[in-house]
N, C-alpha and C. Protein backbone atom coordinates (compact mmCIF):
# COMPACT_ATOMS: atom_id res chain seq x y z
N UNK A 1 17.82 1.98 -45.84
CA UNK A 1 18.31 2.85 -44.52
C UNK A 1 17.59 2.28 -43.21
N UNK A 2 17.20 1.92 -43.23
CA UNK A 2 16.32 1.51 -41.85
C UNK A 2 17.36 0.07 -41.02
N UNK A 3 18.01 -0.54 -42.09
CA UNK A 3 18.81 -1.75 -41.43
C UNK A 3 19.91 -0.80 -40.60
N UNK A 4 20.36 0.52 -40.99
CA UNK A 4 21.52 1.02 -40.68
C UNK A 4 21.56 1.34 -39.40
N UNK A 5 20.17 1.83 -38.79
CA UNK A 5 19.92 2.32 -37.60
C UNK A 5 19.27 1.01 -36.58
N UNK A 6 20.00 0.78 -35.48
CA UNK A 6 19.75 -0.02 -34.21
C UNK A 6 18.43 0.30 -33.51
N UNK A 7 17.39 -0.59 -33.60
CA UNK A 7 16.33 0.04 -32.92
C UNK A 7 16.38 0.24 -31.38
N UNK A 8 15.61 0.81 -30.65
CA UNK A 8 16.06 1.06 -29.43
C UNK A 8 16.07 -0.05 -28.25
N UNK A 9 15.21 -0.85 -28.71
CA UNK A 9 14.95 -2.42 -28.32
C UNK A 9 16.43 -3.21 -28.10
N UNK A 10 17.14 -3.11 -29.07
CA UNK A 10 18.30 -3.70 -29.27
C UNK A 10 19.62 -2.96 -28.66
N UNK A 11 19.34 -1.71 -28.49
CA UNK A 11 20.29 -1.16 -27.87
C UNK A 11 19.91 -1.08 -26.12
N UNK A 12 19.42 -1.32 -25.63
CA UNK A 12 18.96 -1.65 -24.46
C UNK A 12 19.30 -3.01 -23.86
N UNK A 13 19.24 -4.09 -24.81
CA UNK A 13 20.05 -5.18 -24.57
C UNK A 13 21.20 -5.29 -24.56
N UNK A 14 22.11 -4.26 -25.12
CA UNK A 14 23.37 -4.55 -24.94
C UNK A 14 23.84 -4.08 -23.49
N UNK A 15 23.19 -3.41 -22.91
CA UNK A 15 23.38 -3.07 -21.52
C UNK A 15 23.25 -4.15 -20.56
N UNK A 16 23.92 -4.35 -19.74
CA UNK A 16 23.70 -5.28 -18.44
C UNK A 16 22.63 -4.65 -17.63
N UNK A 17 22.23 -5.43 -16.75
CA UNK A 17 20.66 -5.07 -15.85
C UNK A 17 21.36 -4.00 -14.95
N UNK A 18 20.25 -3.32 -14.81
CA UNK A 18 20.79 -2.06 -13.67
C UNK A 18 21.33 -2.45 -12.33
N UNK A 19 20.87 -3.79 -11.83
CA UNK A 19 21.31 -3.87 -10.42
C UNK A 19 22.65 -4.43 -10.79
N UNK A 20 23.01 -5.16 -11.75
CA UNK A 20 24.36 -5.30 -11.97
C UNK A 20 25.20 -4.28 -12.12
N UNK A 21 24.83 -3.42 -12.82
CA UNK A 21 25.69 -1.95 -13.03
C UNK A 21 25.68 -1.48 -11.46
N UNK A 22 24.60 -1.34 -10.85
CA UNK A 22 25.11 -0.73 -9.63
C UNK A 22 26.05 -1.48 -8.42
N UNK A 23 25.92 -2.53 -8.52
CA UNK A 23 26.66 -3.45 -7.52
C UNK A 23 28.39 -3.53 -8.23
N UNK A 24 28.41 -3.65 -9.55
CA UNK A 24 30.11 -3.10 -10.27
C UNK A 24 30.47 -1.86 -10.12
N UNK A 25 29.77 -0.56 -9.85
CA UNK A 25 30.05 0.69 -9.43
C UNK A 25 30.22 0.81 -8.15
N UNK A 26 29.37 0.09 -7.18
CA UNK A 26 30.19 -0.03 -5.93
C UNK A 26 31.04 -0.55 -5.44
N UNK A 27 31.35 -1.60 -6.30
CA UNK A 27 32.66 -2.44 -5.88
C UNK A 27 33.82 -1.64 -6.56
N UNK A 28 33.72 -1.35 -7.69
CA UNK A 28 34.59 -0.43 -8.46
C UNK A 28 35.05 0.92 -7.62
N UNK A 29 34.18 1.57 -7.04
CA UNK A 29 34.48 2.69 -6.31
C UNK A 29 35.06 2.51 -4.99
N UNK A 30 34.62 1.04 -4.47
CA UNK A 30 35.42 0.83 -3.50
C UNK A 30 35.40 1.75 -2.15
N UNK A 31 34.73 2.72 -2.02
CA UNK A 31 34.85 3.58 -0.84
C UNK A 31 34.56 3.30 0.52
N UNK A 32 35.40 3.33 1.56
CA UNK A 32 34.85 2.89 2.96
C UNK A 32 33.44 2.87 3.39
N UNK A 33 32.91 3.94 3.37
CA UNK A 33 31.75 4.38 3.67
C UNK A 33 30.85 4.42 2.76
N UNK A 34 30.95 3.81 1.55
CA UNK A 34 29.82 3.86 0.80
C UNK A 34 29.93 4.74 -0.19
N UNK A 35 29.09 4.40 -1.15
CA UNK A 35 28.95 5.38 -2.46
C UNK A 35 27.66 5.91 -2.40
N UNK A 36 27.62 7.17 -2.96
CA UNK A 36 26.09 7.79 -2.85
C UNK A 36 25.80 7.69 -4.05
N UNK A 37 24.24 7.96 -4.42
CA UNK A 37 24.03 8.12 -5.68
C UNK A 37 24.48 8.75 -6.93
N UNK A 38 24.83 9.83 -6.65
CA UNK A 38 25.65 10.80 -7.83
C UNK A 38 26.85 10.10 -8.39
N UNK A 39 27.69 9.61 -7.44
CA UNK A 39 29.09 8.92 -7.70
C UNK A 39 28.75 7.30 -8.30
N UNK A 40 27.56 6.72 -7.86
CA UNK A 40 27.46 5.81 -8.67
C UNK A 40 26.93 5.80 -10.40
N UNK A 41 26.02 7.24 -10.27
CA UNK A 41 25.50 7.47 -11.83
C UNK A 41 26.65 7.86 -12.46
N UNK A 42 27.39 8.80 -11.84
CA UNK A 42 28.63 9.27 -12.81
C UNK A 42 29.58 7.80 -13.52
N UNK A 43 29.93 7.21 -12.30
CA UNK A 43 30.54 5.97 -12.96
C UNK A 43 30.04 4.70 -13.92
N UNK A 44 28.58 4.63 -13.83
CA UNK A 44 27.60 4.02 -14.88
C UNK A 44 27.92 4.85 -16.09
N UNK A 45 27.42 6.23 -15.84
CA UNK A 45 27.61 6.97 -17.25
C UNK A 45 29.10 6.87 -17.94
N UNK A 46 30.34 6.90 -16.99
CA UNK A 46 31.40 7.02 -17.62
C UNK A 46 31.80 5.34 -18.49
N UNK A 47 31.30 4.23 -17.80
CA UNK A 47 31.38 2.93 -18.31
C UNK A 47 30.74 2.73 -19.52
N UNK A 48 29.30 3.10 -19.82
CA UNK A 48 28.28 2.82 -20.40
C UNK A 48 28.02 4.13 -21.16
N UNK A 49 28.19 4.07 -22.61
CA UNK A 49 27.64 5.05 -22.88
C UNK A 49 26.29 5.29 -23.74
N UNK A 50 26.07 4.22 -23.94
CA UNK A 50 24.81 4.27 -24.48
C UNK A 50 23.45 4.05 -23.35
N UNK A 51 23.30 4.82 -22.28
CA UNK A 51 22.51 4.62 -21.52
C UNK A 51 21.02 5.31 -21.92
N UNK A 52 19.92 5.13 -21.36
CA UNK A 52 18.43 5.43 -21.95
C UNK A 52 18.44 6.69 -21.24
N UNK A 53 17.28 7.54 -21.95
CA UNK A 53 17.00 9.19 -21.45
C UNK A 53 16.60 9.28 -19.97
N UNK A 54 15.85 8.24 -19.29
CA UNK A 54 15.46 8.20 -18.22
C UNK A 54 16.38 7.22 -17.22
N UNK A 55 17.58 7.45 -17.44
CA UNK A 55 18.84 6.93 -16.77
C UNK A 55 18.67 7.23 -14.95
N UNK A 56 18.51 8.55 -14.65
CA UNK A 56 18.77 8.75 -13.41
C UNK A 56 17.14 8.22 -12.72
N UNK A 57 15.84 8.18 -13.43
CA UNK A 57 14.95 7.77 -12.70
C UNK A 57 15.07 6.32 -12.47
N UNK A 58 15.64 5.59 -13.60
CA UNK A 58 15.64 3.86 -13.58
C UNK A 58 16.70 3.71 -12.42
N UNK A 59 17.86 4.31 -12.31
CA UNK A 59 18.93 4.38 -11.15
C UNK A 59 18.02 4.54 -9.71
N UNK A 60 17.15 5.44 -9.58
CA UNK A 60 16.74 5.50 -8.33
C UNK A 60 15.65 4.33 -8.00
N UNK A 61 14.99 4.25 -8.88
CA UNK A 61 13.85 3.05 -8.78
C UNK A 61 14.85 1.66 -8.26
N UNK A 62 15.80 1.68 -8.92
CA UNK A 62 16.60 0.27 -8.99
C UNK A 62 17.38 0.43 -7.44
N UNK A 63 17.75 1.65 -7.12
CA UNK A 63 18.50 1.41 -5.53
C UNK A 63 17.52 1.30 -5.07
N UNK A 64 16.65 1.60 -4.72
CA UNK A 64 15.50 1.71 -3.72
C UNK A 64 14.91 0.37 -3.79
N UNK A 65 14.65 -0.35 -4.67
CA UNK A 65 14.53 -1.73 -5.09
C UNK A 65 15.35 -2.88 -4.10
N UNK A 66 16.75 -2.51 -4.63
CA UNK A 66 17.59 -3.23 -3.97
C UNK A 66 17.80 -3.06 -2.43
N UNK A 67 17.72 -1.83 -2.13
CA UNK A 67 17.65 -1.57 -0.72
C UNK A 67 16.58 -2.34 -0.03
N UNK A 68 15.22 -2.31 -0.70
CA UNK A 68 14.37 -3.05 0.21
C UNK A 68 14.38 -4.33 0.49
N UNK A 69 15.22 -5.05 -1.10
CA UNK A 69 15.62 -6.54 -1.02
C UNK A 69 16.74 -6.92 -0.28
N UNK A 70 17.45 -5.91 0.51
CA UNK A 70 18.81 -6.40 1.11
C UNK A 70 19.69 -6.87 0.05
N UNK A 71 19.64 -6.43 -1.19
CA UNK A 71 21.05 -6.50 -1.76
C UNK A 71 22.10 -5.59 -1.47
N UNK A 72 21.65 -4.23 -1.21
CA UNK A 72 22.40 -3.22 -0.89
C UNK A 72 21.96 -2.53 0.61
N UNK A 73 22.87 -1.81 1.27
CA UNK A 73 22.47 -1.35 2.63
C UNK A 73 22.64 0.12 2.33
N UNK A 74 21.72 0.94 2.99
CA UNK A 74 21.80 2.38 2.73
C UNK A 74 22.38 2.98 4.46
N UNK A 75 23.50 3.37 4.28
CA UNK A 75 23.95 3.98 5.68
C UNK A 75 24.35 5.38 5.36
N UNK A 76 23.91 6.48 6.19
CA UNK A 76 24.24 8.01 6.00
C UNK A 76 24.21 8.49 4.12
N UNK A 77 23.10 7.85 3.97
CA UNK A 77 22.83 8.40 2.21
C UNK A 77 24.23 7.81 1.22
N UNK A 78 24.71 6.79 1.67
CA UNK A 78 25.75 5.94 1.09
C UNK A 78 25.02 4.70 0.51
N UNK A 79 25.41 3.88 -0.43
CA UNK A 79 24.96 2.62 -0.67
C UNK A 79 26.24 1.46 -0.60
N UNK A 80 26.35 0.58 0.14
CA UNK A 80 27.35 -0.36 0.29
C UNK A 80 26.92 -1.78 0.10
N UNK A 81 27.51 -2.78 -0.07
CA UNK A 81 27.12 -3.97 0.14
C UNK A 81 26.94 -4.30 1.26
N UNK A 82 26.22 -5.61 1.71
CA UNK A 82 25.75 -5.83 3.20
C UNK A 82 27.08 -6.50 3.67
N UNK A 83 27.33 -6.39 4.85
CA UNK A 83 28.31 -7.40 5.41
C UNK A 83 27.78 -8.70 5.74
N UNK A 84 28.77 -9.75 4.92
CA UNK A 84 28.26 -11.04 5.04
C UNK A 84 28.07 -11.65 6.52
N UNK A 85 29.11 -11.63 7.47
CA UNK A 85 28.86 -11.84 8.83
C UNK A 85 28.20 -11.03 9.71
N UNK A 86 27.49 -10.01 9.16
CA UNK A 86 26.50 -9.44 9.99
C UNK A 86 25.27 -10.08 10.50
N UNK A 87 24.42 -10.09 11.67
CA UNK A 87 23.54 -10.61 11.73
C UNK A 87 22.05 -10.50 10.93
N UNK A 88 20.98 -11.27 10.62
CA UNK A 88 19.92 -11.04 9.88
C UNK A 88 19.12 -9.70 10.50
N UNK A 89 18.83 -9.02 9.52
CA UNK A 89 18.13 -7.65 10.02
C UNK A 89 16.44 -8.45 10.57
N UNK A 90 15.95 -8.03 11.95
CA UNK A 90 15.12 -8.49 12.47
C UNK A 90 14.03 -7.89 11.80
N UNK A 91 12.61 -8.20 11.96
CA UNK A 91 11.40 -7.36 11.16
C UNK A 91 10.85 -6.67 12.28
N UNK A 92 9.80 -5.92 11.75
CA UNK A 92 9.06 -5.15 13.00
C UNK A 92 8.47 -5.68 13.92
N UNK A 93 7.98 -5.27 14.64
CA UNK A 93 7.21 -5.88 15.80
C UNK A 93 7.62 -6.83 16.62
N UNK A 94 6.87 -7.13 17.66
CA UNK A 94 7.46 -7.97 18.75
C UNK A 94 7.87 -9.69 18.13
N UNK A 95 8.76 -9.94 18.43
CA UNK A 95 9.24 -11.35 17.86
C UNK A 95 8.33 -12.27 18.44
N UNK A 96 8.03 -13.73 17.87
CA UNK A 96 7.14 -14.82 18.46
C UNK A 96 7.64 -15.35 19.48
N UNK A 97 6.73 -15.80 20.45
CA UNK A 97 7.43 -16.91 21.58
C UNK A 97 8.05 -17.68 20.86
N UNK A 98 9.04 -18.51 21.79
CA UNK A 98 9.56 -19.58 21.09
C UNK A 98 8.41 -20.93 21.77
N UNK A 99 8.50 -21.86 20.90
CA UNK A 99 7.31 -22.92 20.81
C UNK A 99 8.06 -24.16 21.62
N UNK A 100 7.52 -24.76 22.42
CA UNK A 100 7.85 -25.80 23.10
C UNK A 100 7.61 -27.12 22.34
N UNK A 101 8.86 -27.76 22.29
CA UNK A 101 8.85 -28.95 21.38
C UNK A 101 7.78 -29.84 21.76
N UNK A 102 7.30 -30.61 20.73
CA UNK A 102 5.95 -31.25 21.03
C UNK A 102 6.89 -33.01 21.08
N UNK A 103 6.01 -33.90 21.85
CA UNK A 103 6.77 -35.28 22.06
C UNK A 103 6.58 -35.63 20.69
N UNK A 104 7.45 -36.76 20.58
CA UNK A 104 7.59 -37.49 19.23
C UNK A 104 6.29 -38.26 18.97
N UNK A 105 6.32 -38.28 17.91
CA UNK A 105 4.87 -39.24 17.69
C UNK A 105 3.64 -38.45 17.45
N UNK A 106 3.57 -37.17 17.76
CA UNK A 106 2.52 -36.37 17.71
C UNK A 106 2.20 -35.91 16.16
N UNK A 107 0.80 -35.83 15.65
CA UNK A 107 0.32 -35.35 14.46
C UNK A 107 0.03 -34.19 15.03
N UNK A 108 0.37 -33.05 14.05
CA UNK A 108 -0.03 -31.95 14.03
C UNK A 108 -0.98 -31.70 13.08
N UNK A 109 -2.10 -31.44 13.13
CA UNK A 109 -2.88 -30.85 12.29
C UNK A 109 -3.19 -29.35 11.56
N UNK A 110 -3.28 -29.39 10.38
CA UNK A 110 -2.87 -28.13 9.63
C UNK A 110 -3.78 -26.96 10.29
N UNK A 111 -3.15 -25.91 10.23
CA UNK A 111 -4.26 -24.65 11.13
C UNK A 111 -5.31 -24.57 10.43
N UNK A 112 -6.58 -24.24 11.36
CA UNK A 112 -7.70 -23.52 10.55
C UNK A 112 -7.40 -22.29 9.83
N UNK A 113 -8.20 -22.02 8.41
CA UNK A 113 -8.05 -20.88 7.95
C UNK A 113 -8.55 -19.86 8.33
N UNK A 114 -8.60 -18.64 8.42
CA UNK A 114 -8.74 -17.27 8.93
C UNK A 114 -9.95 -17.08 8.04
N UNK A 115 -11.05 -16.41 8.63
CA UNK A 115 -12.28 -15.80 8.37
C UNK A 115 -13.52 -17.16 8.38
N UNK A 116 -14.43 -16.27 7.89
CA UNK A 116 -15.59 -17.23 7.62
C UNK A 116 -15.70 -18.45 7.01
N UNK A 117 -16.10 -19.67 7.49
CA UNK A 117 -16.07 -20.76 6.27
C UNK A 117 -16.96 -20.78 5.18
N UNK A 118 -16.66 -21.35 4.22
CA UNK A 118 -17.36 -21.07 2.86
C UNK A 118 -18.80 -21.86 3.37
N UNK A 119 -19.76 -21.59 2.46
CA UNK A 119 -20.94 -22.06 2.49
C UNK A 119 -21.10 -23.59 1.82
N UNK A 120 -21.58 -24.50 2.29
CA UNK A 120 -21.51 -25.76 1.71
C UNK A 120 -22.80 -26.07 0.69
N UNK A 121 -22.25 -26.09 -0.42
CA UNK A 121 -23.57 -26.07 -1.74
C UNK A 121 -24.22 -27.20 -1.86
N UNK A 122 -23.99 -27.99 -1.03
CA UNK A 122 -24.85 -29.21 -1.50
C UNK A 122 -25.92 -29.68 -0.18
N UNK A 123 -25.89 -28.75 0.81
CA UNK A 123 -26.75 -28.71 2.26
C UNK A 123 -27.82 -28.22 1.78
N UNK A 124 -29.00 -28.76 2.30
CA UNK A 124 -30.29 -27.96 2.07
C UNK A 124 -30.50 -26.63 2.81
N UNK A 125 -31.14 -25.54 1.90
CA UNK A 125 -31.20 -24.49 2.80
C UNK A 125 -32.30 -24.35 4.32
N UNK A 126 -31.63 -23.54 4.84
CA UNK A 126 -32.38 -23.61 6.40
C UNK A 126 -33.90 -22.82 6.06
N UNK A 127 -34.73 -23.24 6.77
CA UNK A 127 -35.89 -22.75 6.79
C UNK A 127 -36.07 -21.27 7.27
N UNK A 128 -36.60 -20.20 6.93
CA UNK A 128 -36.44 -19.07 7.47
C UNK A 128 -37.49 -19.11 8.90
N UNK A 129 -37.06 -18.87 9.81
CA UNK A 129 -37.80 -18.34 10.92
C UNK A 129 -38.09 -16.80 11.29
N UNK A 130 -39.31 -16.72 11.38
CA UNK A 130 -40.16 -15.53 11.80
C UNK A 130 -40.54 -15.02 12.98
N UNK A 131 -39.84 -14.41 13.50
CA UNK A 131 -39.98 -13.90 15.07
C UNK A 131 -41.14 -12.60 14.76
N UNK A 132 -42.18 -12.85 15.50
CA UNK A 132 -43.09 -11.91 15.07
C UNK A 132 -43.85 -11.45 16.45
N UNK A 133 -43.49 -10.00 16.55
CA UNK A 133 -43.67 -9.35 17.90
C UNK A 133 -44.89 -8.58 17.82
N UNK A 134 -45.61 -8.74 16.88
CA UNK A 134 -47.05 -8.05 16.73
C UNK A 134 -46.90 -6.47 16.16
N UNK A 135 -45.78 -5.73 15.83
CA UNK A 135 -45.38 -4.93 15.31
C UNK A 135 -44.85 -5.01 14.07
N UNK A 136 -45.07 -3.99 12.87
CA UNK A 136 -44.42 -4.49 11.66
C UNK A 136 -43.12 -3.40 11.81
N UNK A 137 -42.29 -4.01 10.95
CA UNK A 137 -40.88 -3.73 10.76
C UNK A 137 -40.36 -2.23 10.51
N UNK A 138 -39.49 -1.65 10.59
CA UNK A 138 -39.20 -0.32 10.62
C UNK A 138 -40.06 1.00 11.48
N UNK A 139 -39.62 2.12 10.90
CA UNK A 139 -40.02 3.13 11.84
C UNK A 139 -41.37 3.67 11.38
N UNK A 140 -41.87 3.82 12.77
CA UNK A 140 -43.50 4.15 12.23
C UNK A 140 -43.78 5.43 11.67
N UNK A 141 -44.85 5.42 11.18
CA UNK A 141 -45.39 6.41 9.98
C UNK A 141 -45.75 7.82 10.99
N UNK A 142 -45.37 8.83 10.51
CA UNK A 142 -45.42 10.00 11.43
C UNK A 142 -47.29 10.12 11.34
N UNK A 143 -47.71 10.80 12.58
CA UNK A 143 -48.83 11.07 13.00
C UNK A 143 -49.15 12.41 12.29
N UNK A 144 -50.28 13.09 11.81
CA UNK A 144 -50.60 14.18 11.14
C UNK A 144 -50.92 14.94 12.17
N UNK A 145 -50.64 16.29 12.47
CA UNK A 145 -50.92 17.28 13.61
C UNK A 145 -52.60 17.47 13.61
N UNK A 146 -53.21 17.32 14.91
CA UNK A 146 -54.66 17.70 14.96
C UNK A 146 -54.82 19.19 15.45
N UNK A 147 -53.76 19.86 15.72
CA UNK A 147 -54.22 21.14 16.43
C UNK A 147 -54.75 22.45 15.45
N UNK A 148 -55.83 23.11 15.87
CA UNK A 148 -56.33 24.26 15.11
C UNK A 148 -55.52 25.05 14.54
N UNK A 149 -55.57 25.54 13.65
CA UNK A 149 -55.02 26.68 12.76
C UNK A 149 -54.87 27.83 13.37
N UNK A 150 -53.97 28.43 13.22
CA UNK A 150 -54.04 29.75 13.92
C UNK A 150 -54.85 31.10 13.43
N UNK A 151 -55.19 31.60 14.23
CA UNK A 151 -56.47 32.76 13.76
C UNK A 151 -55.80 33.67 13.11
N UNK A 152 -56.40 34.26 12.06
CA UNK A 152 -55.94 35.13 11.07
C UNK A 152 -56.07 36.59 11.82
N UNK A 153 -55.12 37.19 11.61
CA UNK A 153 -54.76 38.70 11.88
C UNK A 153 -55.99 39.58 11.51
N UNK A 154 -56.48 40.37 12.50
CA UNK A 154 -57.47 41.33 12.13
C UNK A 154 -57.39 42.29 11.06
N UNK A 155 -58.87 42.35 10.19
CA UNK A 155 -58.52 42.69 8.75
C UNK A 155 -57.82 44.00 8.34
N UNK A 156 -58.26 44.97 9.50
CA UNK A 156 -57.43 46.43 9.21
C UNK A 156 -56.35 46.73 9.35
N UNK A 157 -55.67 45.42 10.18
CA UNK A 157 -53.96 46.04 10.60
C UNK A 157 -53.21 45.10 9.45
N UNK A 158 -52.14 46.10 8.85
CA UNK A 158 -51.33 45.30 7.89
C UNK A 158 -49.95 45.49 8.58
N UNK A 159 -49.38 44.04 8.38
CA UNK A 159 -47.96 43.78 9.45
C UNK A 159 -46.90 44.37 8.37
N UNK A 160 -46.08 44.98 8.60
CA UNK A 160 -44.91 45.10 7.89
C UNK A 160 -43.70 43.85 7.74
N UNK A 161 -42.79 44.21 6.27
CA UNK A 161 -41.82 43.25 6.40
C UNK A 161 -40.81 43.41 7.12
N UNK A 162 -40.42 42.11 7.60
CA UNK A 162 -39.30 42.10 8.25
C UNK A 162 -39.81 42.24 10.04
N UNK A 163 -38.57 42.14 10.65
CA UNK A 163 -38.45 42.32 12.44
C UNK A 163 -39.22 43.32 12.91
N UNK A 164 -40.36 43.21 13.73
CA UNK A 164 -40.69 44.84 14.14
C UNK A 164 -39.79 45.34 14.87
N UNK A 165 -39.84 46.93 15.16
CA UNK A 165 -39.24 47.48 16.03
C UNK A 165 -39.38 47.34 17.68
N UNK A 166 -38.36 47.54 18.04
CA UNK A 166 -38.34 47.26 19.87
C UNK A 166 -39.05 48.45 20.25
N UNK A 167 -39.81 48.13 21.22
CA UNK A 167 -40.34 49.50 21.94
C UNK A 167 -40.20 49.61 23.15
């Protein structure tokens, strides 16, 4: 009985990859302004009947991945293939300055790595130098107060609790 059912891994292997299905859908729909996500999903559902349950999530993920990778272009919520004659998209930030050509025969050294250079494990340790100013390190301890204690109130008068009334 277990042989009659196809395992889910084998079902998914019969499907083409999502990027391939998306590009086929965009080409088949051949809309001038591009195809939106719902029309691409409907086309994939009509051509491939054995889609996974998370089809919409997978489609959204692969559309975003292909958009960032440059395989498709998004224009007004529609996806289309990029124009092969279009100039390459410029990155963010200011473009680098053009470099002057070096004279022939000049040997260019490799650039220095960024950050602090690593310590040499074979070098002897440096002797620690202590600069003494005559004071110990850190914050000085608090000095105890030497003021006399307040005089106790007269024995016959007892004060009430709280703030005294205004007079």
